[in-house]
Amino acid sequence: MERDVQFLEYVIKALVDHPEDVRINRTVDEMGVLITLDVNPEDMGKVIGRQGKTAEAIRILLRVVGMKNNARVNLKINEPEGRREEVRTKDVDQALEDLKL
């Protein structure tokens, strides 16, 4: 296993509540190394962090690991299926009934 994948796996599994659901895929092309990360939907907030700060820090550290190995490393965090729920709107009658007016 490559060092960048080992590093990422160690960090992510330490962050999340469901380490068994962590999936990492590494591909290499002319642009460099692309690592894609899949985690349990419940753990997305921990991986992303407030305003994306945790994800940004992980990406920076991965670039440092890549520089040590003369590679350009990028991280893509895949959004789980069905993560975004549709917002249901109520009509006026339902809203008034909920307020019990």
PDB file of N, CA and C in Angstrom:
ATOM      1  N   MET A   1       0.853  -1.187   0.000  1.00  0.00           N
ATOM      2  CA  MET A   1       0.000   0.000   0.000  1.00  0.00           C
ATOM      3  C   MET A   1       0.894   1.245   0.000  1.00  0.00           C
ATOM      4  N   GLU A   2       0.486   2.225  -0.766  1.00  0.00           N
ATOM      5  CA  GLU A   2       1.265   3.459  -0.862  1.00  0.00           C
ATOM      6  C   GLU A   2       1.187   4.256   0.427  1.00  0.00           C
ATOM      7  N   ARG A   3       2.224   5.061   0.671  1.00  0.00           N
ATOM      8  CA  ARG A   3       2.281   5.843   1.908  1.00  0.00           C
ATOM      9  C   ARG A   3       1.155   6.854   2.032  1.00  0.00           C
ATOM     10  N   ASP A   4       0.767   7.466   0.918  1.00  0.00           N
ATOM     11  CA  ASP A   4      -0.312   8.454   0.986  1.00  0.00           C
ATOM     12  C   ASP A   4      -1.635   7.796   1.384  1.00  0.00           C
ATOM     13  N   VAL A   5      -1.894   6.605   0.881  1.00  0.00           N
ATOM     14  CA  VAL A   5      -3.116   5.885   1.239  1.00  0.00           C
ATOM     15  C   VAL A   5      -3.054   5.425   2.696  1.00  0.00           C
ATOM     16  N   GLN A   6      -1.896   4.950   3.123  1.00  0.00           N
ATOM     17  CA  GLN A   6      -1.732   4.537   4.524  1.00  0.00           C
ATOM     18  C   GLN A   6      -1.990   5.706   5.465  1.00  0.00           C
ATOM     19  N   PHE A   7      -1.420   6.858   5.129  1.00  0.00           N
ATOM     20  CA  PHE A   7      -1.606   8.056   5.954  1.00  0.00           C
ATOM     21  C   PHE A   7      -3.083   8.442   6.024  1.00  0.00           C
ATOM     22  N   LEU A   8      -3.728   8.510   4.857  1.00  0.00           N
ATOM     23  CA  LEU A   8      -5.130   8.917   4.814  1.00  0.00           C
ATOM     24  C   LEU A   8      -6.006   7.932   5.585  1.00  0.00           C
ATOM     25  N   GLU A   9      -5.775   6.659   5.399  1.00  0.00           N
ATOM     26  CA  GLU A   9      -6.570   5.652   6.104  1.00  0.00           C
ATOM     27  C   GLU A   9      -6.419   5.788   7.618  1.00  0.00           C
ATOM     28  N   TYR A  10      -5.207   6.012   8.079  1.00  0.00           N
ATOM     29  CA  TYR A  10      -4.954   6.173   9.511  1.00  0.00           C
ATOM     30  C   TYR A  10      -5.710   7.383  10.071  1.00  0.00           C
ATOM     31  N   VAL A  11      -5.611   8.509   9.384  1.00  0.00           N
ATOM     32  CA  VAL A  11      -6.244   9.748   9.856  1.00  0.00           C
ATOM     33  C   VAL A  11      -7.767   9.643   9.829  1.00  0.00           C
ATOM     34  N   ILE A  12      -8.315   9.176   8.722  1.00  0.00           N
ATOM     35  CA  ILE A  12      -9.773   9.123   8.569  1.00  0.00           C
ATOM     36  C   ILE A  12     -10.386   8.126   9.547  1.00  0.00           C
ATOM     37  N   LYS A  13      -9.784   6.959   9.686  1.00  0.00           N
ATOM     38  CA  LYS A  13     -10.344   5.957  10.601  1.00  0.00           C
ATOM     39  C   LYS A  13     -10.287   6.428  12.049  1.00  0.00           C
ATOM     40  N   ALA A  14      -9.336   7.300  12.374  1.00  0.00           N
ATOM     41  CA  ALA A  14      -9.270   7.855  13.725  1.00  0.00           C
ATOM     42  C   ALA A  14     -10.362   8.910  13.947  1.00  0.00           C
ATOM     43  N   LEU A  15     -10.824   9.548  12.875  1.00  0.00           N
ATOM     44  CA  LEU A  15     -11.829  10.604  12.977  1.00  0.00           C
ATOM     45  C   LEU A  15     -13.266  10.095  13.060  1.00  0.00           C
ATOM     46  N   VAL A  16     -13.561   9.034  12.334  1.00  0.00           N
ATOM     47  CA  VAL A  16     -14.953   8.635  12.121  1.00  0.00           C
ATOM     48  C   VAL A  16     -15.467   7.649  13.176  1.00  0.00           C
ATOM     49  N   ASP A  17     -16.790   7.533  13.244  1.00  0.00           N
ATOM     50  CA  ASP A  17     -17.430   6.571  14.143  1.00  0.00           C
ATOM     51  C   ASP A  17     -17.599   5.201  13.491  1.00  0.00           C
ATOM     52  N   HIS A  18     -17.542   5.156  12.168  1.00  0.00           N
ATOM     53  CA  HIS A  18     -17.728   3.904  11.430  1.00  0.00           C
ATOM     54  C   HIS A  18     -16.493   3.625  10.562  1.00  0.00           C
ATOM     55  N   PRO A  19     -15.364   3.243  11.174  1.00  0.00           N
ATOM     56  CA  PRO A  19     -14.141   3.028  10.387  1.00  0.00           C
ATOM     57  C   PRO A  19     -14.252   1.874   9.395  1.00  0.00           C
ATOM     58  N   GLU A  20     -15.179   0.958   9.643  1.00  0.00           N
ATOM     59  CA  GLU A  20     -15.344  -0.178   8.727  1.00  0.00           C
ATOM     60  C   GLU A  20     -15.934   0.254   7.385  1.00  0.00           C
ATOM     61  N   ASP A  21     -16.547   1.431   7.329  1.00  0.00           N
ATOM     62  CA  ASP A  21     -17.158   1.936   6.092  1.00  0.00           C
ATOM     63  C   ASP A  21     -16.221   2.825   5.271  1.00  0.00           C
ATOM     64  N   VAL A  22     -14.998   3.027   5.720  1.00  0.00           N
ATOM     65  CA  VAL A  22     -14.047   3.877   4.992  1.00  0.00           C
ATOM     66  C   VAL A  22     -13.538   3.125   3.766  1.00  0.00           C
ATOM     67  N   ARG A  23     -13.667   3.747   2.605  1.00  0.00           N
ATOM     68  CA  ARG A  23     -13.182   3.176   1.345  1.00  0.00           C
ATOM     69  C   ARG A  23     -12.280   4.202   0.676  1.00  0.00           C
ATOM     70  N   ILE A  24     -11.085   3.764   0.297  1.00  0.00           N
ATOM     71  CA  ILE A  24     -10.119   4.654  -0.347  1.00  0.00           C
ATOM     72  C   ILE A  24      -9.707   4.033  -1.673  1.00  0.00           C
ATOM     73  N   ASN A  25      -9.740   4.836  -2.729  1.00  0.00           N
ATOM     74  CA  ASN A  25      -9.325   4.385  -4.057  1.00  0.00           C
ATOM     75  C   ASN A  25      -8.250   5.329  -4.569  1.00  0.00           C
ATOM     76  N   ARG A  26      -7.166   4.784  -5.083  1.00  0.00           N
ATOM     77  CA  ARG A  26      -6.037   5.594  -5.566  1.00  0.00           C
ATOM     78  C   ARG A  26      -5.830   5.337  -7.049  1.00  0.00           C
ATOM     79  N   THR A  27      -5.795   6.412  -7.845  1.00  0.00           N
ATOM     80  CA  THR A  27      -5.507   6.310  -9.274  1.00  0.00           C
ATOM     81  C   THR A  27      -4.380   7.270  -9.623  1.00  0.00           C
ATOM     82  N   VAL A  28      -3.574   6.865 -10.577  1.00  0.00           N
ATOM     83  CA  VAL A  28      -2.441   7.680 -11.023  1.00  0.00           C
ATOM     84  C   VAL A  28      -2.603   7.940 -12.513  1.00  0.00           C
ATOM     85  N   ASP A  29      -2.426   9.202 -12.908  1.00  0.00           N
ATOM     86  CA  ASP A  29      -2.435   9.560 -14.321  1.00  0.00           C
ATOM     87  C   ASP A  29      -1.398  10.643 -14.567  1.00  0.00           C
ATOM     88  N   GLU A  30      -1.438  11.270 -15.739  1.00  0.00           N
ATOM     89  CA  GLU A  30      -0.445  12.293 -16.073  1.00  0.00           C
ATOM     90  C   GLU A  30      -0.543  13.535 -15.191  1.00  0.00           C
ATOM     91  N   MET A  31      -1.701  13.756 -14.559  1.00  0.00           N
ATOM     92  CA  MET A  31      -1.888  14.911 -13.686  1.00  0.00           C
ATOM     93  C   MET A  31      -1.370  14.663 -12.273  1.00  0.00           C
ATOM     94  N   GLY A  32      -1.158  13.405 -11.913  1.00  0.00           N
ATOM     95  CA  GLY A  32      -0.681  13.076 -10.573  1.00  0.00           C
ATOM     96  C   GLY A  32      -1.517  11.971  -9.962  1.00  0.00           C
ATOM     97  N   VAL A  33      -1.623  12.005  -8.654  1.00  0.00           N
ATOM     98  CA  VAL A  33      -2.348  10.973  -7.909  1.00  0.00           C
ATOM     99  C   VAL A  33      -3.690  11.547  -7.468  1.00  0.00           C
ATOM    100  N   LEU A  34      -4.747  10.791  -7.709  1.00  0.00           N
ATOM    101  CA  LEU A  34      -6.080  11.170  -7.237  1.00  0.00           C
ATOM    102  C   LEU A  34      -6.536  10.100  -6.261  1.00  0.00           C
ATOM    103  N   ILE A  35      -6.826  10.536  -5.038  1.00  0.00           N
ATOM    104  CA  ILE A  35      -7.340   9.626  -4.027  1.00  0.00           C
ATOM    105  C   ILE A  35      -8.792  10.000  -3.786  1.00  0.00           C
ATOM    106  N   THR A  36      -9.675   9.018  -3.934  1.00  0.00           N
ATOM    107  CA  THR A  36     -11.090   9.253  -3.667  1.00  0.00           C
ATOM    108  C   THR A  36     -11.456   8.566  -2.355  1.00  0.00           C
ATOM    109  N   LEU A  37     -12.268   9.249  -1.576  1.00  0.00           N
ATOM    110  CA  LEU A  37     -12.624   8.786  -0.246  1.00  0.00           C
ATOM    111  C   LEU A  37     -14.137   8.648  -0.126  1.00  0.00           C
ATOM    112  N   ASP A  38     -14.568   7.496   0.375  1.00  0.00           N
ATOM    113  CA  ASP A  38     -15.971   7.263   0.681  1.00  0.00           C
ATOM    114  C   ASP A  38     -16.074   6.918   2.158  1.00  0.00           C
ATOM    115  N   VAL A  39     -17.015   7.565   2.855  1.00  0.00           N
ATOM    116  CA  VAL A  39     -17.243   7.284   4.265  1.00  0.00           C
ATOM    117  C   VAL A  39     -18.736   7.121   4.506  1.00  0.00           C
ATOM    118  N   ASN A  40     -19.088   6.646   5.678  1.00  0.00           N
ATOM    119  CA  ASN A  40     -20.473   6.518   6.091  1.00  0.00           C
ATOM    120  C   ASN A  40     -21.115   7.914   6.082  1.00  0.00           C
ATOM    121  N   PRO A  41     -22.359   8.043   5.618  1.00  0.00           N
ATOM    122  CA  PRO A  41     -23.010   9.362   5.584  1.00  0.00           C
ATOM    123  C   PRO A  41     -23.031  10.070   6.940  1.00  0.00           C
ATOM    124  N   GLU A  42     -23.123   9.311   8.026  1.00  0.00           N
ATOM    125  CA  GLU A  42     -23.127   9.920   9.355  1.00  0.00           C
ATOM    126  C   GLU A  42     -21.786  10.557   9.711  1.00  0.00           C
ATOM    127  N   ASP A  43     -20.714  10.142   9.044  1.00  0.00           N
ATOM    128  CA  ASP A  43     -19.373  10.639   9.352  1.00  0.00           C
ATOM    129  C   ASP A  43     -18.918  11.789   8.466  1.00  0.00           C
ATOM    130  N   MET A  44     -19.753  12.190   7.501  1.00  0.00           N
ATOM    131  CA  MET A  44     -19.339  13.247   6.576  1.00  0.00           C
ATOM    132  C   MET A  44     -18.981  14.544   7.286  1.00  0.00           C
ATOM    133  N   GLY A  45     -19.748  14.915   8.292  1.00  0.00           N
ATOM    134  CA  GLY A  45     -19.483  16.153   9.025  1.00  0.00           C
ATOM    135  C   GLY A  45     -18.132  16.133   9.711  1.00  0.00           C
ATOM    136  N   LYS A  46     -17.737  14.986  10.226  1.00  0.00           N
ATOM    137  CA  LYS A  46     -16.440  14.880  10.893  1.00  0.00           C
ATOM    138  C   LYS A  46     -15.293  14.972   9.909  1.00  0.00           C
ATOM    139  N   VAL A  47     -15.483  14.415   8.717  1.00  0.00           N
ATOM    140  CA  VAL A  47     -14.423  14.439   7.704  1.00  0.00           C
ATOM    141  C   VAL A  47     -14.307  15.829   7.093  1.00  0.00           C
ATOM    142  N   ILE A  48     -15.431  16.483   6.841  1.00  0.00           N
ATOM    143  CA  ILE A  48     -15.418  17.815   6.230  1.00  0.00           C
ATOM    144  C   ILE A  48     -15.026  18.872   7.259  1.00  0.00           C
ATOM    145  N   GLY A  49     -15.604  18.827   8.445  1.00  0.00           N
ATOM    146  CA  GLY A  49     -15.300  19.814   9.479  1.00  0.00           C
ATOM    147  C   GLY A  49     -16.068  21.107   9.263  1.00  0.00           C
ATOM    148  N   ARG A  50     -15.924  22.003  10.220  1.00  0.00           N
ATOM    149  CA  ARG A  50     -16.610  23.290  10.104  1.00  0.00           C
ATOM    150  C   ARG A  50     -16.018  24.097   8.972  1.00  0.00           C
ATOM    151  N   GLN A  51     -16.887  24.522   8.084  1.00  0.00           N
ATOM    152  CA  GLN A  51     -16.505  25.303   6.911  1.00  0.00           C
ATOM    153  C   GLN A  51     -15.420  24.623   6.096  1.00  0.00           C
ATOM    154  N   GLY A  52     -15.353  23.284   6.152  1.00  0.00           N
ATOM    155  CA  GLY A  52     -14.402  22.519   5.356  1.00  0.00           C
ATOM    156  C   GLY A  52     -12.967  22.558   5.852  1.00  0.00           C
ATOM    157  N   LYS A  53     -12.767  23.013   7.075  1.00  0.00           N
ATOM    158  CA  LYS A  53     -11.400  23.168   7.601  1.00  0.00           C
ATOM    159  C   LYS A  53     -10.687  21.831   7.790  1.00  0.00           C
ATOM    160  N   THR A  54     -11.407  20.801   8.252  1.00  0.00           N
ATOM    161  CA  THR A  54     -10.768  19.500   8.453  1.00  0.00           C
ATOM    162  C   THR A  54     -10.344  18.904   7.116  1.00  0.00           C
ATOM    163  N   ALA A  55     -11.234  18.943   6.132  1.00  0.00           N
ATOM    164  CA  ALA A  55     -10.912  18.423   4.804  1.00  0.00           C
ATOM    165  C   ALA A  55      -9.741  19.185   4.195  1.00  0.00           C
ATOM    166  N   GLU A  56      -9.723  20.488   4.373  1.00  0.00           N
ATOM    167  CA  GLU A  56      -8.627  21.315   3.855  1.00  0.00           C
ATOM    168  C   GLU A  56      -7.296  20.923   4.496  1.00  0.00           C
ATOM    169  N   ALA A  57      -7.297  20.699   5.810  1.00  0.00           N
ATOM    170  CA  ALA A  57      -6.074  20.309   6.512  1.00  0.00           C
ATOM    171  C   ALA A  57      -5.594  18.945   6.037  1.00  0.00           C
ATOM    172  N   ILE A  58      -6.506  18.011   5.837  1.00  0.00           N
ATOM    173  CA  ILE A  58      -6.128  16.675   5.356  1.00  0.00           C
ATOM    174  C   ILE A  58      -5.529  16.771   3.964  1.00  0.00           C
ATOM    175  N   ARG A  59      -6.114  17.605   3.110  1.00  0.00           N
ATOM    176  CA  ARG A  59      -5.582  17.781   1.747  1.00  0.00           C
ATOM    177  C   ARG A  59      -4.164  18.365   1.778  1.00  0.00           C
ATOM    178  N   ILE A  60      -3.933  19.326   2.653  1.00  0.00           N
ATOM    179  CA  ILE A  60      -2.602  19.931   2.760  1.00  0.00           C
ATOM    180  C   ILE A  60      -1.586  18.891   3.211  1.00  0.00           C
ATOM    181  N   LEU A  61      -1.944  18.111   4.229  1.00  0.00           N
ATOM    182  CA  LEU A  61      -1.028  17.080   4.708  1.00  0.00           C
ATOM    183  C   LEU A  61      -0.770  16.012   3.645  1.00  0.00           C
ATOM    184  N   LEU A  62      -1.788  15.664   2.866  1.00  0.00           N
ATOM    185  CA  LEU A  62      -1.582  14.702   1.773  1.00  0.00           C
ATOM    186  C   LEU A  62      -0.630  15.251   0.714  1.00  0.00           C
ATOM    187  N   ARG A  63      -0.719  16.545   0.440  1.00  0.00           N
ATOM    188  CA  ARG A  63       0.214  17.149  -0.522  1.00  0.00           C
ATOM    189  C   ARG A  63       1.648  17.079  -0.010  1.00  0.00           C
ATOM    190  N   VAL A  64       1.815  17.267   1.304  1.00  0.00           N
ATOM    191  CA  VAL A  64       3.153  17.179   1.899  1.00  0.00           C
ATOM    192  C   VAL A  64       3.688  15.751   1.767  1.00  0.00           C
ATOM    193  N   VAL A  65       2.840  14.770   2.058  1.00  0.00           N
ATOM    194  CA  VAL A  65       3.253  13.367   1.900  1.00  0.00           C
ATOM    195  C   VAL A  65       3.611  13.101   0.442  1.00  0.00           C
ATOM    196  N   GLY A  66       2.821  13.650  -0.478  1.00  0.00           N
ATOM    197  CA  GLY A  66       3.110  13.486  -1.900  1.00  0.00           C
ATOM    198  C   GLY A  66       4.412  14.134  -2.312  1.00  0.00           C
ATOM    199  N   MET A  67       4.714  15.319  -1.766  1.00  0.00           N
ATOM    200  CA  MET A  67       5.967  15.997  -2.107  1.00  0.00           C
ATOM    201  C   MET A  67       7.176  15.172  -1.687  1.00  0.00           C
ATOM    202  N   LYS A  68       7.062  14.500  -0.550  1.00  0.00           N
ATOM    203  CA  LYS A  68       8.164  13.652  -0.085  1.00  0.00           C
ATOM    204  C   LYS A  68       8.413  12.496  -1.050  1.00  0.00           C
ATOM    205  N   ASN A  69       7.374  12.111  -1.796  1.00  0.00           N
ATOM    206  CA  ASN A  69       7.486  11.002  -2.744  1.00  0.00           C
ATOM    207  C   ASN A  69       7.453  11.479  -4.201  1.00  0.00           C
ATOM    208  N   ASN A  70       7.697  12.780  -4.398  1.00  0.00           N
ATOM    209  CA  ASN A  70       7.730  13.376  -5.739  1.00  0.00           C
ATOM    210  C   ASN A  70       6.446  13.117  -6.529  1.00  0.00           C
ATOM    211  N   ALA A  71       5.299  13.313  -5.879  1.00  0.00           N
ATOM    212  CA  ALA A  71       4.020  13.121  -6.546  1.00  0.00           C
ATOM    213  C   ALA A  71       3.069  14.243  -6.152  1.00  0.00           C
ATOM    214  N   ARG A  72       2.203  14.580  -7.071  1.00  0.00           N
ATOM    215  CA  ARG A  72       1.164  15.562  -6.780  1.00  0.00           C
ATOM    216  C   ARG A  72      -0.087  14.797  -6.376  1.00  0.00           C
ATOM    217  N   VAL A  73      -0.533  14.986  -5.140  1.00  0.00           N
ATOM    218  CA  VAL A  73      -1.650  14.213  -4.593  1.00  0.00           C
ATOM    219  C   VAL A  73      -2.853  15.122  -4.384  1.00  0.00           C
ATOM    220  N   ASN A  74      -4.001  14.675  -4.882  1.00  0.00           N
ATOM    221  CA  ASN A  74      -5.266  15.379  -4.693  1.00  0.00           C
ATOM    222  C   ASN A  74      -6.262  14.440  -4.039  1.00  0.00           C
ATOM    223  N   LEU A  75      -7.146  14.999  -3.216  1.00  0.00           N
ATOM    224  CA  LEU A  75      -8.154  14.217  -2.513  1.00  0.00           C
ATOM    225  C   LEU A  75      -9.539  14.655  -2.943  1.00  0.00           C
ATOM    226  N   LYS A  76     -10.363  13.672  -3.303  1.00  0.00           N
ATOM    227  CA  LYS A  76     -11.772  13.921  -3.624  1.00  0.00           C
ATOM    228  C   LYS A  76     -12.602  13.146  -2.610  1.00  0.00           C
ATOM    229  N   ILE A  77     -13.485  13.854  -1.909  1.00  0.00           N
ATOM    230  CA  ILE A  77     -14.373  13.222  -0.941  1.00  0.00           C
ATOM    231  C   ILE A  77     -15.729  13.062  -1.606  1.00  0.00           C
ATOM    232  N   ASN A  78     -16.122  11.821  -1.826  1.00  0.00           N
ATOM    233  CA  ASN A  78     -17.398  11.547  -2.494  1.00  0.00           C
ATOM    234  C   ASN A  78     -18.556  11.763  -1.534  1.00  0.00           C
ATOM    235  N   GLU A  79     -19.574  12.455  -2.013  1.00  0.00           N
ATOM    236  CA  GLU A  79     -20.775  12.688  -1.218  1.00  0.00           C
ATOM    237  C   GLU A  79     -21.652  11.442  -1.298  1.00  0.00           C
ATOM    238  N   PRO A  80     -22.100  10.930  -0.155  1.00  0.00           N
ATOM    239  CA  PRO A  80     -22.933   9.718  -0.168  1.00  0.00           C
ATOM    240  C   PRO A  80     -24.250   9.949  -0.903  1.00  0.00           C
ATOM    241  N   GLU A  81     -24.790   8.867  -1.469  1.00  0.00           N
ATOM    242  CA  GLU A  81     -26.069   8.931  -2.170  1.00  0.00           C
ATOM    243  C   GLU A  81     -27.173   9.342  -1.212  1.00  0.00           C
ATOM    244  N   GLY A  82     -28.067  10.194  -1.672  1.00  0.00           N
ATOM    245  CA  GLY A  82     -29.233  10.578  -0.890  1.00  0.00           C
ATOM    246  C   GLY A  82     -28.919  11.476   0.290  1.00  0.00           C
ATOM    247  N   ARG A  83     -27.758  12.071   0.307  1.00  0.00           N
ATOM    248  CA  ARG A  83     -27.374  12.915   1.439  1.00  0.00           C
ATOM    249  C   ARG A  83     -28.241  14.161   1.516  1.00  0.00           C
ATOM    250  N   ARG A  84     -28.480  14.758   0.385  1.00  0.00           N
ATOM    251  CA  ARG A  84     -29.284  15.987   0.372  1.00  0.00           C
ATOM    252  C   ARG A  84     -30.760  15.619   0.278  1.00  0.00           C
ATOM    253  N   GLU A  85     -31.473  16.034   1.264  1.00  0.00           N
ATOM    254  CA  GLU A  85     -32.898  15.750   1.284  1.00  0.00           C
ATOM    255  C   GLU A  85     -33.665  16.942   0.704  1.00  0.00           C
ATOM    256  N   GLU A  86     -34.740  16.620   0.036  1.00  0.00           N
ATOM    257  CA  GLU A  86     -35.559  17.693  -0.523  1.00  0.00           C
ATOM    258  C   GLU A  86     -36.311  18.394   0.598  1.00  0.00           C
ATOM    259  N   VAL A  87     -36.423  19.686   0.478  1.00  0.00           N
ATOM    260  CA  VAL A  87     -37.154  20.469   1.468  1.00  0.00           C
ATOM    261  C   VAL A  87     -38.629  20.414   1.110  1.00  0.00           C
ATOM    262  N   ARG A  88     -39.419  19.967   2.060  1.00  0.00           N
ATOM    263  CA  ARG A  88     -40.867  19.910   1.846  1.00  0.00           C
ATOM    264  C   ARG A  88     -41.490  21.223   2.273  1.00  0.00           C
ATOM    265  N   THR A  89     -42.322  21.766   1.407  1.00  0.00           N
ATOM    266  CA  THR A  89     -43.018  23.001   1.761  1.00  0.00           C
ATOM    267  C   THR A  89     -44.459  22.669   2.097  1.00  0.00           C
ATOM    268  N   LYS A  90     -44.991  23.382   3.039  1.00  0.00           N
ATOM    269  CA  LYS A  90     -46.374  23.185   3.455  1.00  0.00           C
ATOM    270  C   LYS A  90     -47.217  24.287   2.843  1.00  0.00           C
ATOM    271  N   ASP A  91     -48.477  23.940   2.630  1.00  0.00           N
ATOM    272  CA  ASP A  91     -49.362  25.001   2.186  1.00  0.00           C
ATOM    273  C   ASP A  91     -49.815  25.811   3.403  1.00  0.00           C
ATOM    274  N   VAL A  92     -50.475  26.901   3.184  1.00  0.00           N
ATOM    275  CA  VAL A  92     -50.863  27.827   4.242  1.00  0.00           C
ATOM    276  C   VAL A  92     -51.761  27.146   5.272  1.00  0.00           C
ATOM    277  N   ASP A  93     -52.715  26.331   4.799  1.00  0.00           N
ATOM    278  CA  ASP A  93     -53.648  25.655   5.723  1.00  0.00           C
ATOM    279  C   ASP A  93     -52.892  24.716   6.664  1.00  0.00           C
ATOM    280  N   GLN A  94     -51.941  23.965   6.134  1.00  0.00           N
ATOM    281  CA  GLN A  94     -51.165  23.051   6.980  1.00  0.00           C
ATOM    282  C   GLN A  94     -50.338  23.816   7.999  1.00  0.00           C
ATOM    283  N   ALA A  95     -49.761  24.921   7.571  1.00  0.00           N
ATOM    284  CA  ALA A  95     -48.947  25.728   8.480  1.00  0.00           C
ATOM    285  C   ALA A  95     -49.794  26.297   9.607  1.00  0.00           C
ATOM    286  N   LEU A  96     -50.996  26.809   9.273  1.00  0.00           N
ATOM    287  CA  LEU A  96     -51.897  27.353  10.300  1.00  0.00           C
ATOM    288  C   LEU A  96     -52.362  26.260  11.252  1.00  0.00           C
ATOM    289  N   GLU A  97     -52.620  25.086  10.725  1.00  0.00           N
ATOM    290  CA  GLU A  97     -53.036  23.964  11.563  1.00  0.00           C
ATOM    291  C   GLU A  97     -51.923  23.568  12.530  1.00  0.00           C
ATOM    292  N   ASP A  98     -50.677  23.595  12.045  1.00  0.00           N
ATOM    293  CA  ASP A  98     -49.536  23.281  12.913  1.00  0.00           C
ATOM    294  C   ASP A  98     -49.407  24.306  14.028  1.00  0.00           C
ATOM    295  N   LEU A  99     -49.737  25.554  13.735  1.00  0.00           N
ATOM    296  CA  LEU A  99     -49.668  26.603  14.743  1.00  0.00           C
ATOM    297  C   LEU A  99     -50.877  26.595  15.666  1.00  0.00           C
ATOM    298  N   LYS A 100     -51.912  25.862  15.275  1.00  0.00           N
ATOM    299  CA  LYS A 100     -53.165  25.752  16.036  1.00  0.00           C
ATOM    300  C   LYS A 100     -53.815  27.119  16.251  1.00  0.00           C
ATOM    301  N   LEU A 101     -53.898  27.868  15.159  1.00  0.00           N
ATOM    302  CA  LEU A 101     -54.534  29.186  15.222  1.00  0.00           C
ATOM    303  C   LEU A 101     -55.985  29.109  14.841  1.00  0.00           C
TER     304      LEU A 101
END
